[in-house]
Amino acid sequence: MNDIVRSGAAASTQVMPNSGVAHMVIGRDTERERVFDAVADHFDGAPSGTVDVFVDDLAQVAVRNGVDSAVTFAERLIERFRGRASRIRIGCSIEGPAELLSRVGGSMDAVRAVDPDTMAAVERLSGDDPTTFGYVRRHWVEAKRGIETCDRNYPQSKQVHAALTEPETTPRTLGATLSGLVTLGALETWGDTVGPTRYDLTAYRPERTWAVGAALEAGVSEE
């Protein structure tokens, strides 16, 4: 029989002993630290590194309480349980606020999600242009950082590269990565230039970039 544990307004927790799962439903007006205290109860008596923490959808927190609140929730969760939990996984709907995906992603070790449209686009790039796909797979995080750091609206790849600190890419490999992100719908080029390609950073889509990263993390083959 399932054991149901209730802790006031904080949460209701359904414990399924045979499967080793405790499912907690958070109350709408629950204070953040009360939620963490309820989660911490499940660590009592458990050896370090044997408990996983999984948040179903952080986007719901953002919709209800704002992006700042959701980002703080994720950061505090990681701060409190990193080192104690075996894994901390935070789900976030791709349809959630783009700002949330962009801000909270920097605190994650990896990003995984399911977005069929983006997955299909990544698989097409892998088949049609495996060289560019390889650059995107290896350097999409650095390209994202360069785009978000660059203070120009319509830069060339070398100007995006110049905005990076200690980059692993070269201007050429970064340019190939940016080109791949254009193909994947995360970025656009600017006008019909005769010289080097310029990228329209005003049309940058951070939520699409995270979706691309999620598809890559999901294990699209490079072959």
N, C-alpha and C. Protein backbone atom coordinates (compact mmCIF):
# COMPACT_ATOMS: atom_id res chain seq x y z
N MET A 1 0.85 -1.20 0.00
CA MET A 1 0.00 0.00 0.00
C MET A 1 0.88 1.24 0.00
N ASN A 2 0.49 2.23 -0.76
CA ASN A 2 1.25 3.46 -0.81
C ASN A 2 1.10 4.23 0.50
N ASP A 3 2.18 4.86 0.91
CA ASP A 3 2.17 5.68 2.12
C ASP A 3 2.01 7.13 1.70
N ILE A 4 0.96 7.80 2.16
CA ILE A 4 0.71 9.19 1.81
C ILE A 4 1.10 10.07 2.99
N VAL A 5 2.03 10.99 2.75
CA VAL A 5 2.50 11.88 3.80
C VAL A 5 2.12 13.30 3.43
N ARG A 6 1.43 13.99 4.32
CA ARG A 6 1.02 15.37 4.03
C ARG A 6 1.68 16.30 5.04
N SER A 7 2.17 17.44 4.53
CA SER A 7 2.84 18.40 5.41
C SER A 7 2.21 19.77 5.24
N GLY A 8 0.97 19.90 5.63
CA GLY A 8 0.27 21.17 5.56
C GLY A 8 0.17 21.67 4.14
N ALA A 9 0.40 23.00 3.98
CA ALA A 9 0.30 23.61 2.66
C ALA A 9 1.53 23.34 1.81
N ALA A 10 2.58 22.81 2.43
CA ALA A 10 3.84 22.67 1.70
C ALA A 10 3.71 21.72 0.53
N ALA A 11 3.18 20.53 0.78
CA ALA A 11 3.15 19.55 -0.29
C ALA A 11 2.38 18.33 0.16
N SER A 12 1.96 17.53 -0.80
CA SER A 12 1.50 16.18 -0.49
C SER A 12 2.47 15.24 -1.16
N THR A 13 2.88 14.21 -0.44
CA THR A 13 3.90 13.31 -0.94
C THR A 13 3.36 11.89 -0.97
N GLN A 14 3.47 11.26 -2.12
CA GLN A 14 3.06 9.88 -2.27
C GLN A 14 4.32 9.03 -2.39
N VAL A 15 4.52 8.15 -1.42
CA VAL A 15 5.71 7.30 -1.39
C VAL A 15 5.34 5.92 -1.89
N MET A 16 6.10 5.43 -2.88
CA MET A 16 5.88 4.09 -3.43
C MET A 16 7.09 3.24 -3.10
N PRO A 17 7.08 2.56 -1.95
CA PRO A 17 8.28 1.88 -1.46
C PRO A 17 8.85 0.86 -2.42
N ASN A 18 8.00 0.10 -3.09
CA ASN A 18 8.51 -0.98 -3.95
C ASN A 18 9.30 -0.46 -5.14
N SER A 19 8.97 0.75 -5.59
CA SER A 19 9.69 1.31 -6.74
C SER A 19 10.71 2.36 -6.33
N GLY A 20 10.77 2.67 -5.03
CA GLY A 20 11.75 3.63 -4.55
C GLY A 20 11.48 5.05 -5.01
N VAL A 21 10.21 5.39 -5.21
CA VAL A 21 9.85 6.72 -5.72
C VAL A 21 8.97 7.44 -4.70
N ALA A 22 9.26 8.72 -4.48
CA ALA A 22 8.39 9.59 -3.69
C ALA A 22 7.97 10.74 -4.57
N HIS A 23 6.67 10.87 -4.82
CA HIS A 23 6.16 11.90 -5.72
C HIS A 23 5.52 13.00 -4.88
N MET A 24 6.04 14.22 -5.00
CA MET A 24 5.57 15.34 -4.19
C MET A 24 4.84 16.34 -5.06
N VAL A 25 3.64 16.72 -4.63
CA VAL A 25 2.87 17.76 -5.30
C VAL A 25 2.95 19.02 -4.46
N ILE A 26 3.51 20.08 -5.02
CA ILE A 26 3.75 21.31 -4.28
C ILE A 26 2.50 22.18 -4.27
N GLY A 27 2.17 22.72 -3.11
CA GLY A 27 1.04 23.63 -3.00
C GLY A 27 1.33 24.94 -3.72
N ARG A 28 0.28 25.58 -4.22
CA ARG A 28 0.43 26.79 -5.02
C ARG A 28 1.16 27.90 -4.26
N ASP A 29 0.87 28.06 -2.97
CA ASP A 29 1.43 29.18 -2.20
C ASP A 29 2.54 28.74 -1.26
N THR A 30 3.14 27.61 -1.54
CA THR A 30 4.16 27.08 -0.65
C THR A 30 5.45 27.90 -0.72
N GLU A 31 6.03 28.20 0.44
CA GLU A 31 7.30 28.89 0.47
C GLU A 31 8.41 27.94 0.01
N ARG A 32 9.38 28.50 -0.70
CA ARG A 32 10.43 27.70 -1.31
C ARG A 32 11.17 26.84 -0.29
N GLU A 33 11.58 27.40 0.84
CA GLU A 33 12.37 26.64 1.80
C GLU A 33 11.56 25.52 2.44
N ARG A 34 10.24 25.69 2.55
CA ARG A 34 9.41 24.61 3.09
C ARG A 34 9.39 23.43 2.12
N VAL A 35 9.40 23.74 0.83
CA VAL A 35 9.48 22.67 -0.17
C VAL A 35 10.79 21.91 -0.01
N PHE A 36 11.89 22.65 0.11
CA PHE A 36 13.20 22.01 0.23
C PHE A 36 13.29 21.19 1.52
N ASP A 37 12.68 21.70 2.59
CA ASP A 37 12.68 20.93 3.85
C ASP A 37 11.94 19.61 3.67
N ALA A 38 10.83 19.66 2.93
CA ALA A 38 10.07 18.43 2.69
C ALA A 38 10.87 17.44 1.85
N VAL A 39 11.60 17.96 0.85
CA VAL A 39 12.46 17.10 0.04
C VAL A 39 13.58 16.51 0.90
N ALA A 40 14.15 17.34 1.77
CA ALA A 40 15.28 16.90 2.60
C ALA A 40 14.90 15.74 3.51
N ASP A 41 13.63 15.65 3.88
CA ASP A 41 13.19 14.55 4.74
C ASP A 41 13.51 13.19 4.12
N HIS A 42 13.50 13.13 2.78
CA HIS A 42 13.72 11.85 2.11
C HIS A 42 15.20 11.47 2.07
N PHE A 43 16.07 12.39 2.49
CA PHE A 43 17.50 12.08 2.55
C PHE A 43 17.89 11.50 3.91
N ASP A 44 17.01 11.64 4.90
CA ASP A 44 17.33 11.15 6.24
C ASP A 44 17.54 9.64 6.22
N GLY A 45 18.71 9.22 6.66
CA GLY A 45 19.01 7.80 6.73
C GLY A 45 19.44 7.17 5.43
N ALA A 46 19.43 7.96 4.34
CA ALA A 46 19.84 7.41 3.03
C ALA A 46 21.32 7.70 2.80
N PRO A 47 22.09 6.72 2.33
CA PRO A 47 23.50 6.96 2.03
C PRO A 47 23.65 8.07 1.00
N SER A 48 24.71 8.86 1.12
CA SER A 48 24.95 9.95 0.19
C SER A 48 25.04 9.43 -1.24
N GLY A 49 24.39 10.15 -2.16
CA GLY A 49 24.46 9.78 -3.57
C GLY A 49 23.50 8.70 -3.99
N THR A 50 22.53 8.36 -3.14
CA THR A 50 21.58 7.30 -3.50
C THR A 50 20.18 7.84 -3.79
N VAL A 51 19.99 9.15 -3.66
CA VAL A 51 18.67 9.75 -3.88
C VAL A 51 18.75 10.69 -5.08
N ASP A 52 17.82 10.53 -6.02
CA ASP A 52 17.70 11.44 -7.15
C ASP A 52 16.59 12.45 -6.87
N VAL A 53 16.77 13.68 -7.33
CA VAL A 53 15.74 14.71 -7.21
C VAL A 53 15.32 15.11 -8.62
N PHE A 54 14.03 15.08 -8.88
CA PHE A 54 13.51 15.40 -10.21
C PHE A 54 12.36 16.40 -10.08
N VAL A 55 12.49 17.53 -10.77
CA VAL A 55 11.42 18.53 -10.84
C VAL A 55 10.74 18.36 -12.19
N ASP A 56 9.44 18.17 -12.18
CA ASP A 56 8.71 17.84 -13.40
C ASP A 56 8.75 18.97 -14.42
N ASP A 57 8.36 20.19 -14.03
CA ASP A 57 8.29 21.28 -15.00
C ASP A 57 8.47 22.62 -14.31
N LEU A 58 9.67 23.18 -14.42
CA LEU A 58 9.98 24.47 -13.80
C LEU A 58 9.19 25.60 -14.45
N ALA A 59 8.78 25.41 -15.70
CA ALA A 59 8.04 26.47 -16.40
C ALA A 59 6.75 26.82 -15.67
N GLN A 60 6.15 25.85 -14.98
CA GLN A 60 4.92 26.13 -14.26
C GLN A 60 5.16 27.10 -13.11
N VAL A 61 6.34 27.03 -12.49
CA VAL A 61 6.69 27.98 -11.44
C VAL A 61 6.83 29.38 -12.03
N ALA A 62 7.44 29.46 -13.22
CA ALA A 62 7.62 30.75 -13.88
C ALA A 62 6.28 31.37 -14.27
N VAL A 63 5.38 30.55 -14.77
CA VAL A 63 4.07 31.05 -15.17
C VAL A 63 3.31 31.58 -13.95
N ARG A 64 3.43 30.88 -12.83
CA ARG A 64 2.67 31.24 -11.64
C ARG A 64 3.31 32.40 -10.88
N ASN A 65 4.65 32.36 -10.73
CA ASN A 65 5.31 33.31 -9.83
C ASN A 65 6.32 34.22 -10.52
N GLY A 66 6.54 34.03 -11.82
CA GLY A 66 7.50 34.87 -12.52
C GLY A 66 8.82 34.15 -12.75
N VAL A 67 9.56 34.61 -13.76
CA VAL A 67 10.82 33.97 -14.14
C VAL A 67 11.86 34.08 -13.03
N ASP A 68 11.96 35.25 -12.40
CA ASP A 68 12.96 35.42 -11.33
C ASP A 68 12.76 34.38 -10.23
N SER A 69 11.51 34.15 -9.85
CA SER A 69 11.21 33.18 -8.80
C SER A 69 11.61 31.77 -9.22
N ALA A 70 11.33 31.42 -10.48
CA ALA A 70 11.67 30.08 -10.97
C ALA A 70 13.18 29.88 -11.02
N VAL A 71 13.91 30.89 -11.47
CA VAL A 71 15.38 30.79 -11.53
C VAL A 71 15.95 30.64 -10.13
N THR A 72 15.45 31.43 -9.19
CA THR A 72 15.93 31.33 -7.80
C THR A 72 15.62 29.96 -7.22
N PHE A 73 14.44 29.43 -7.53
CA PHE A 73 14.07 28.09 -7.06
C PHE A 73 15.08 27.06 -7.54
N ALA A 74 15.41 27.10 -8.83
CA ALA A 74 16.35 26.13 -9.40
C ALA A 74 17.73 26.28 -8.78
N GLU A 75 18.19 27.52 -8.65
CA GLU A 75 19.53 27.75 -8.09
C GLU A 75 19.62 27.28 -6.65
N ARG A 76 18.58 27.56 -5.85
CA ARG A 76 18.60 27.14 -4.44
C ARG A 76 18.48 25.63 -4.31
N LEU A 77 17.70 25.01 -5.19
CA LEU A 77 17.58 23.55 -5.16
C LEU A 77 18.94 22.90 -5.41
N ILE A 78 19.64 23.40 -6.43
CA ILE A 78 20.96 22.86 -6.75
C ILE A 78 21.95 23.12 -5.62
N GLU A 79 21.92 24.33 -5.08
CA GLU A 79 22.83 24.69 -3.99
C GLU A 79 22.61 23.80 -2.77
N ARG A 80 21.36 23.51 -2.47
CA ARG A 80 21.06 22.77 -1.24
C ARG A 80 21.32 21.27 -1.36
N PHE A 81 21.10 20.70 -2.56
CA PHE A 81 21.16 19.24 -2.66
C PHE A 81 22.30 18.71 -3.52
N ARG A 82 23.04 19.57 -4.19
CA ARG A 82 24.21 19.09 -4.93
C ARG A 82 25.23 18.54 -3.93
N GLY A 83 25.73 17.36 -4.20
CA GLY A 83 26.64 16.70 -3.28
C GLY A 83 25.94 15.69 -2.40
N ARG A 84 24.64 15.89 -2.19
CA ARG A 84 23.84 14.93 -1.43
C ARG A 84 23.05 14.02 -2.37
N ALA A 85 22.50 14.62 -3.42
CA ALA A 85 21.71 13.85 -4.37
C ALA A 85 22.61 13.19 -5.40
N SER A 86 22.20 12.02 -5.87
CA SER A 86 22.93 11.37 -6.95
C SER A 86 22.81 12.19 -8.22
N ARG A 87 21.59 12.61 -8.53
CA ARG A 87 21.33 13.45 -9.70
C ARG A 87 20.22 14.44 -9.36
N ILE A 88 20.32 15.62 -9.94
CA ILE A 88 19.25 16.61 -9.84
C ILE A 88 18.80 16.92 -11.26
N ARG A 89 17.57 16.58 -11.57
CA ARG A 89 17.05 16.81 -12.91
C ARG A 89 15.87 17.78 -12.82
N ILE A 90 15.94 18.83 -13.61
CA ILE A 90 14.90 19.86 -13.59
C ILE A 90 14.27 19.91 -14.97
N GLY A 91 13.02 19.49 -15.06
CA GLY A 91 12.30 19.54 -16.32
C GLY A 91 11.80 20.95 -16.59
N CYS A 92 11.74 21.31 -17.86
CA CYS A 92 11.25 22.64 -18.23
C CYS A 92 10.63 22.55 -19.62
N SER A 93 9.37 22.87 -19.73
CA SER A 93 8.69 22.81 -21.02
C SER A 93 9.39 23.71 -22.03
N ILE A 94 9.59 23.20 -23.24
CA ILE A 94 10.16 24.02 -24.30
C ILE A 94 9.26 25.21 -24.57
N GLU A 95 7.95 25.04 -24.33
CA GLU A 95 7.00 26.13 -24.56
C GLU A 95 7.05 27.18 -23.45
N GLY A 96 7.85 26.95 -22.42
CA GLY A 96 7.96 27.90 -21.32
C GLY A 96 8.63 29.18 -21.76
N PRO A 97 8.69 30.18 -20.86
CA PRO A 97 9.29 31.47 -21.22
C PRO A 97 10.72 31.31 -21.72
N ALA A 98 11.04 31.96 -22.84
CA ALA A 98 12.39 31.86 -23.41
C ALA A 98 13.44 32.34 -22.42
N GLU A 99 13.12 33.39 -21.67
CA GLU A 99 14.07 33.93 -20.70
C GLU A 99 14.41 32.89 -19.64
N LEU A 100 13.44 32.09 -19.24
CA LEU A 100 13.68 31.06 -18.24
C LEU A 100 14.67 30.03 -18.76
N LEU A 101 14.44 29.53 -19.96
CA LEU A 101 15.34 28.53 -20.55
C LEU A 101 16.75 29.07 -20.66
N SER A 102 16.87 30.32 -21.06
CA SER A 102 18.19 30.92 -21.24
C SER A 102 18.91 31.10 -19.91
N ARG A 103 18.19 31.58 -18.90
CA ARG A 103 18.84 31.90 -17.62
C ARG A 103 19.14 30.67 -16.79
N VAL A 104 18.22 29.74 -16.72
CA VAL A 104 18.43 28.60 -15.84
C VAL A 104 19.37 27.58 -16.47
N GLY A 105 19.46 27.59 -17.79
CA GLY A 105 20.32 26.62 -18.46
C GLY A 105 21.78 26.73 -18.07
N GLY A 106 22.23 27.94 -17.72
CA GLY A 106 23.62 28.13 -17.34
C GLY A 106 24.00 27.44 -16.05
N SER A 107 23.00 27.07 -15.24
CA SER A 107 23.27 26.39 -13.97
C SER A 107 23.26 24.87 -14.12
N MET A 108 22.92 24.39 -15.31
CA MET A 108 22.77 22.96 -15.51
C MET A 108 24.05 22.35 -16.07
N ASP A 109 24.31 21.09 -15.71
CA ASP A 109 25.43 20.36 -16.30
C ASP A 109 25.08 19.88 -17.70
N ALA A 110 23.81 19.63 -17.95
CA ALA A 110 23.37 19.17 -19.26
C ALA A 110 21.92 19.57 -19.43
N VAL A 111 21.49 19.67 -20.68
CA VAL A 111 20.13 20.04 -21.00
C VAL A 111 19.52 18.95 -21.86
N ARG A 112 18.37 18.42 -21.42
CA ARG A 112 17.69 17.40 -22.20
C ARG A 112 16.20 17.73 -22.24
N ALA A 113 15.61 17.56 -23.38
CA ALA A 113 14.18 17.80 -23.52
C ALA A 113 13.70 17.07 -24.76
N VAL A 114 12.41 17.07 -24.96
CA VAL A 114 11.85 16.42 -26.13
C VAL A 114 11.07 17.46 -26.92
N ASP A 115 11.56 17.78 -28.11
CA ASP A 115 10.88 18.70 -29.01
C ASP A 115 10.98 18.09 -30.40
N PRO A 116 9.94 17.41 -30.86
CA PRO A 116 10.03 16.65 -32.11
C PRO A 116 10.46 17.48 -33.31
N ASP A 117 9.99 18.72 -33.41
CA ASP A 117 10.34 19.56 -34.56
C ASP A 117 11.84 19.84 -34.58
N THR A 118 12.40 20.21 -33.43
CA THR A 118 13.83 20.49 -33.36
C THR A 118 14.65 19.23 -33.58
N MET A 119 14.21 18.12 -32.99
CA MET A 119 14.92 16.86 -33.18
C MET A 119 14.98 16.49 -34.65
N ALA A 120 13.87 16.68 -35.36
CA ALA A 120 13.84 16.36 -36.79
C ALA A 120 14.80 17.26 -37.57
N ALA A 121 14.86 18.56 -37.20
CA ALA A 121 15.76 19.49 -37.88
C ALA A 121 17.21 19.11 -37.65
N VAL A 122 17.54 18.72 -36.42
CA VAL A 122 18.91 18.31 -36.11
C VAL A 122 19.28 17.04 -36.87
N GLU A 123 18.35 16.11 -36.95
CA GLU A 123 18.62 14.87 -37.68
C GLU A 123 18.81 15.15 -39.17
N ARG A 124 18.05 16.10 -39.72
CA ARG A 124 18.24 16.46 -41.14
C ARG A 124 19.62 17.05 -41.36
N LEU A 125 20.04 17.94 -40.46
CA LEU A 125 21.37 18.54 -40.59
C LEU A 125 22.45 17.48 -40.50
N SER A 126 22.26 16.52 -39.60
CA SER A 126 23.23 15.44 -39.45
C SER A 126 23.39 14.65 -40.74
N GLY A 127 22.26 14.42 -41.44
CA GLY A 127 22.32 13.65 -42.68
C GLY A 127 22.77 14.47 -43.88
N ASP A 128 22.32 15.74 -43.95
CA ASP A 128 22.61 16.57 -45.12
C ASP A 128 23.98 17.22 -45.08
N ASP A 129 24.44 17.58 -43.90
CA ASP A 129 25.71 18.30 -43.77
C ASP A 129 26.41 17.86 -42.49
N PRO A 130 26.98 16.66 -42.48
CA PRO A 130 27.57 16.12 -41.26
C PRO A 130 28.72 16.96 -40.71
N THR A 131 29.44 17.67 -41.59
CA THR A 131 30.54 18.51 -41.10
C THR A 131 30.02 19.65 -40.24
N THR A 132 29.02 20.37 -40.76
CA THR A 132 28.43 21.47 -39.99
C THR A 132 27.76 20.94 -38.73
N PHE A 133 27.09 19.80 -38.86
CA PHE A 133 26.47 19.18 -37.69
C PHE A 133 27.51 18.93 -36.60
N GLY A 134 28.68 18.43 -37.00
CA GLY A 134 29.73 18.16 -36.02
C GLY A 134 30.17 19.42 -35.30
N TYR A 135 30.28 20.53 -36.04
CA TYR A 135 30.65 21.80 -35.40
C TYR A 135 29.57 22.25 -34.41
N VAL A 136 28.32 22.14 -34.82
CA VAL A 136 27.23 22.55 -33.93
C VAL A 136 27.22 21.69 -32.67
N ARG A 137 27.41 20.40 -32.87
CA ARG A 137 27.39 19.49 -31.71
C ARG A 137 28.49 19.82 -30.72
N ARG A 138 29.67 20.13 -31.23
CA ARG A 138 30.80 20.39 -30.34
C ARG A 138 30.79 21.80 -29.74
N HIS A 139 30.23 22.77 -30.49
CA HIS A 139 30.46 24.17 -30.10
C HIS A 139 29.20 24.99 -29.87
N TRP A 140 28.01 24.36 -29.81
CA TRP A 140 26.80 25.16 -29.70
C TRP A 140 26.76 25.99 -28.42
N VAL A 141 27.31 25.46 -27.32
CA VAL A 141 27.30 26.21 -26.06
C VAL A 141 28.16 27.46 -26.18
N GLU A 142 29.35 27.32 -26.79
CA GLU A 142 30.22 28.48 -26.96
C GLU A 142 29.62 29.48 -27.93
N ALA A 143 28.97 28.99 -28.98
CA ALA A 143 28.31 29.89 -29.92
C ALA A 143 27.20 30.67 -29.22
N LYS A 144 26.44 30.00 -28.39
CA LYS A 144 25.39 30.66 -27.62
C LYS A 144 25.97 31.75 -26.73
N ARG A 145 27.08 31.42 -26.08
CA ARG A 145 27.72 32.39 -25.19
C ARG A 145 28.22 33.59 -25.99
N GLY A 146 28.79 33.34 -27.16
CA GLY A 146 29.27 34.44 -27.99
C GLY A 146 28.14 35.34 -28.46
N ILE A 147 27.04 34.74 -28.89
CA ILE A 147 25.89 35.51 -29.34
C ILE A 147 25.38 36.41 -28.22
N GLU A 148 25.29 35.86 -27.03
CA GLU A 148 24.71 36.59 -25.91
C GLU A 148 25.68 37.60 -25.30
N THR A 149 26.98 37.45 -25.62
CA THR A 149 27.98 38.38 -25.10
C THR A 149 28.26 39.52 -26.08
N CYS A 150 28.14 39.24 -27.36
CA CYS A 150 28.47 40.22 -28.40
C CYS A 150 27.54 41.44 -28.30
N ASP A 151 28.12 42.63 -28.40
CA ASP A 151 27.32 43.85 -28.26
C ASP A 151 26.95 44.46 -29.62
N ARG A 152 27.17 43.72 -30.69
CA ARG A 152 26.79 44.18 -32.03
C ARG A 152 25.50 43.50 -32.46
N ASN A 153 24.70 44.20 -33.23
CA ASN A 153 23.45 43.61 -33.72
C ASN A 153 23.66 42.74 -34.95
N TYR A 154 24.63 43.11 -35.80
CA TYR A 154 24.82 42.40 -37.08
C TYR A 154 26.31 42.07 -37.28
N PRO A 155 26.87 41.25 -36.42
CA PRO A 155 28.31 40.98 -36.49
C PRO A 155 28.66 39.88 -37.49
N GLN A 156 29.93 39.88 -37.88
CA GLN A 156 30.51 38.74 -38.56
C GLN A 156 30.93 37.72 -37.49
N SER A 157 31.25 36.52 -37.93
CA SER A 157 31.63 35.49 -36.96
C SER A 157 32.88 35.88 -36.18
N LYS A 158 33.82 36.59 -36.82
CA LYS A 158 35.04 36.98 -36.12
C LYS A 158 34.73 37.99 -35.00
N GLN A 159 33.68 38.78 -35.19
CA GLN A 159 33.30 39.75 -34.15
C GLN A 159 32.59 39.06 -32.99
N VAL A 160 31.81 38.03 -33.30
CA VAL A 160 31.22 37.22 -32.22
C VAL A 160 32.34 36.51 -31.47
N HIS A 161 33.31 36.00 -32.21
CA HIS A 161 34.43 35.29 -31.59
C HIS A 161 35.22 36.21 -30.68
N ALA A 162 35.39 37.46 -31.09
CA ALA A 162 36.17 38.42 -30.29
C ALA A 162 35.50 38.73 -28.95
N ALA A 163 34.20 38.48 -28.86
CA ALA A 163 33.48 38.75 -27.61
C ALA A 163 33.68 37.65 -26.58
N LEU A 164 34.27 36.52 -26.99
CA LEU A 164 34.45 35.38 -26.10
C LEU A 164 35.74 35.50 -25.30
N THR A 165 35.72 34.96 -24.10
CA THR A 165 36.92 34.87 -23.27
C THR A 165 37.44 33.44 -23.31
N GLU A 166 38.70 33.27 -23.68
CA GLU A 166 39.34 31.96 -23.77
C GLU A 166 38.51 30.97 -24.56
N PRO A 167 38.19 31.29 -25.81
CA PRO A 167 37.35 30.39 -26.61
C PRO A 167 38.09 29.12 -27.03
N GLU A 168 37.33 28.06 -27.21
CA GLU A 168 37.87 26.82 -27.77
C GLU A 168 37.80 26.85 -29.29
N THR A 169 36.89 27.65 -29.82
CA THR A 169 36.71 27.75 -31.26
C THR A 169 37.70 28.73 -31.87
N THR A 170 37.81 28.67 -33.19
CA THR A 170 38.46 29.72 -33.98
C THR A 170 37.34 30.51 -34.66
N PRO A 171 37.64 31.68 -35.24
CA PRO A 171 36.59 32.38 -35.98
C PRO A 171 35.95 31.52 -37.07
N ARG A 172 36.76 30.65 -37.69
CA ARG A 172 36.22 29.80 -38.76
C ARG A 172 35.27 28.74 -38.21
N THR A 173 35.70 28.03 -37.16
CA THR A 173 34.84 26.97 -36.62
C THR A 173 33.61 27.56 -35.94
N LEU A 174 33.76 28.74 -35.34
CA LEU A 174 32.59 29.40 -34.76
C LEU A 174 31.62 29.81 -35.87
N GLY A 175 32.18 30.29 -37.00
CA GLY A 175 31.32 30.66 -38.12
C GLY A 175 30.54 29.48 -38.65
N ALA A 176 31.19 28.31 -38.71
CA ALA A 176 30.49 27.10 -39.16
C ALA A 176 29.38 26.73 -38.19
N THR A 177 29.64 26.92 -36.90
CA THR A 177 28.63 26.62 -35.89
C THR A 177 27.45 27.58 -35.99
N LEU A 178 27.74 28.86 -36.17
CA LEU A 178 26.67 29.85 -36.33
C LEU A 178 25.84 29.55 -37.58
N SER A 179 26.52 29.13 -38.65
CA SER A 179 25.81 28.76 -39.87
C SER A 179 24.85 27.60 -39.60
N GLY A 180 25.31 26.64 -38.81
CA GLY A 180 24.44 25.52 -38.46
C GLY A 180 23.24 25.96 -37.65
N LEU A 181 23.45 26.90 -36.74
CA LEU A 181 22.33 27.41 -35.94
C LEU A 181 21.33 28.16 -36.81
N VAL A 182 21.82 28.81 -37.87
CA VAL A 182 20.90 29.44 -38.83
C VAL A 182 20.04 28.37 -39.49
N THR A 183 20.67 27.31 -39.95
CA THR A 183 19.94 26.21 -40.59
C THR A 183 18.90 25.62 -39.65
N LEU A 184 19.23 25.58 -38.37
CA LEU A 184 18.34 24.96 -37.38
C LEU A 184 17.30 25.93 -36.83
N GLY A 185 17.29 27.16 -37.32
CA GLY A 185 16.24 28.10 -36.95
C GLY A 185 16.46 28.86 -35.66
N ALA A 186 17.69 28.84 -35.14
CA ALA A 186 17.98 29.56 -33.90
C ALA A 186 18.51 30.96 -34.15
N LEU A 187 18.86 31.25 -35.38
CA LEU A 187 19.53 32.50 -35.72
C LEU A 187 19.21 32.82 -37.17
N GLU A 188 19.43 34.07 -37.58
CA GLU A 188 19.24 34.45 -38.97
C GLU A 188 20.45 35.23 -39.46
N THR A 189 20.64 35.23 -40.77
CA THR A 189 21.67 36.08 -41.36
C THR A 189 21.06 37.43 -41.69
N TRP A 190 21.92 38.41 -41.88
CA TRP A 190 21.45 39.78 -42.13
C TRP A 190 21.72 40.18 -43.57
N GLY A 191 20.65 40.42 -44.32
CA GLY A 191 20.77 40.96 -45.67
C GLY A 191 21.52 40.06 -46.62
N ASP A 192 21.75 40.57 -47.80
CA ASP A 192 22.53 39.88 -48.84
C ASP A 192 23.88 40.57 -48.95
N THR A 193 24.81 40.16 -48.12
CA THR A 193 26.13 40.79 -48.11
C THR A 193 27.05 40.14 -49.13
N VAL A 194 27.90 40.96 -49.74
CA VAL A 194 28.88 40.45 -50.70
C VAL A 194 30.06 39.83 -49.97
N GLY A 195 30.45 40.43 -48.85
CA GLY A 195 31.59 39.95 -48.07
C GLY A 195 31.18 38.85 -47.11
N PRO A 196 31.92 38.73 -46.00
CA PRO A 196 31.63 37.69 -45.01
C PRO A 196 30.20 37.80 -44.47
N THR A 197 29.65 36.66 -44.14
CA THR A 197 28.27 36.60 -43.63
C THR A 197 28.14 37.40 -42.34
N ARG A 198 27.07 38.15 -42.25
CA ARG A 198 26.73 38.83 -41.00
C ARG A 198 25.49 38.17 -40.41
N TYR A 199 25.47 38.08 -39.10
CA TYR A 199 24.38 37.41 -38.41
C TYR A 199 23.48 38.42 -37.72
N ASP A 200 22.18 38.19 -37.82
CA ASP A 200 21.20 39.10 -37.23
C ASP A 200 20.90 38.65 -35.80
N LEU A 201 21.61 39.25 -34.85
CA LEU A 201 21.43 38.84 -33.46
C LEU A 201 20.13 39.36 -32.87
N THR A 202 19.48 40.30 -33.56
CA THR A 202 18.17 40.75 -33.08
C THR A 202 17.11 39.67 -33.31
N ALA A 203 17.42 38.71 -34.18
CA ALA A 203 16.48 37.62 -34.46
C ALA A 203 16.89 36.33 -33.74
N TYR A 204 17.84 36.43 -32.83
CA TYR A 204 18.31 35.26 -32.08
C TYR A 204 17.18 34.68 -31.24
N ARG A 205 17.05 33.35 -31.25
CA ARG A 205 16.00 32.66 -30.50
C ARG A 205 16.63 31.75 -29.44
N PRO A 206 16.79 32.25 -28.22
CA PRO A 206 17.45 31.43 -27.19
C PRO A 206 16.71 30.15 -26.87
N GLU A 207 15.36 30.18 -26.92
CA GLU A 207 14.61 28.97 -26.61
C GLU A 207 14.85 27.89 -27.67
N ARG A 208 15.01 28.30 -28.93
CA ARG A 208 15.30 27.34 -29.99
C ARG A 208 16.72 26.79 -29.82
N THR A 209 17.64 27.64 -29.39
CA THR A 209 19.01 27.20 -29.18
C THR A 209 19.07 26.14 -28.09
N TRP A 210 18.33 26.36 -26.99
CA TRP A 210 18.28 25.35 -25.94
C TRP A 210 17.64 24.06 -26.45
N ALA A 211 16.62 24.19 -27.29
CA ALA A 211 15.99 22.99 -27.85
C ALA A 211 16.96 22.22 -28.73
N VAL A 212 17.79 22.95 -29.49
CA VAL A 212 18.83 22.30 -30.30
C VAL A 212 19.81 21.56 -29.39
N GLY A 213 20.26 22.24 -28.33
CA GLY A 213 21.17 21.59 -27.39
C GLY A 213 20.56 20.35 -26.77
N ALA A 214 19.26 20.43 -26.45
CA ALA A 214 18.57 19.28 -25.86
C ALA A 214 18.54 18.12 -26.84
N ALA A 215 18.28 18.42 -28.11
CA ALA A 215 18.24 17.36 -29.12
C ALA A 215 19.62 16.72 -29.28
N LEU A 216 20.66 17.53 -29.24
CA LEU A 216 22.01 17.00 -29.34
C LEU A 216 22.36 16.13 -28.13
N GLU A 217 21.96 16.59 -26.94
CA GLU A 217 22.21 15.82 -25.73
C GLU A 217 21.46 14.49 -25.73
N ALA A 218 20.33 14.47 -26.45
CA ALA A 218 19.52 13.26 -26.49
C ALA A 218 20.18 12.15 -27.30
N GLY A 219 21.27 12.50 -28.02
CA GLY A 219 22.06 11.44 -28.63
C GLY A 219 21.89 11.27 -30.11
N VAL A 220 21.67 12.36 -30.86
CA VAL A 220 21.63 12.25 -32.32
C VAL A 220 22.98 11.78 -32.82
N SER A 221 22.98 10.80 -33.69
CA SER A 221 24.23 10.22 -34.19
C SER A 221 24.96 11.19 -35.10
N GLU A 222 26.29 11.18 -35.03
CA GLU A 222 27.09 12.00 -35.92
C GLU A 222 27.34 11.30 -37.25
N GLU A 223 26.93 10.06 -37.37
CA GLU A 223 27.19 9.31 -38.60
C GLU A 223 26.16 9.64 -39.66
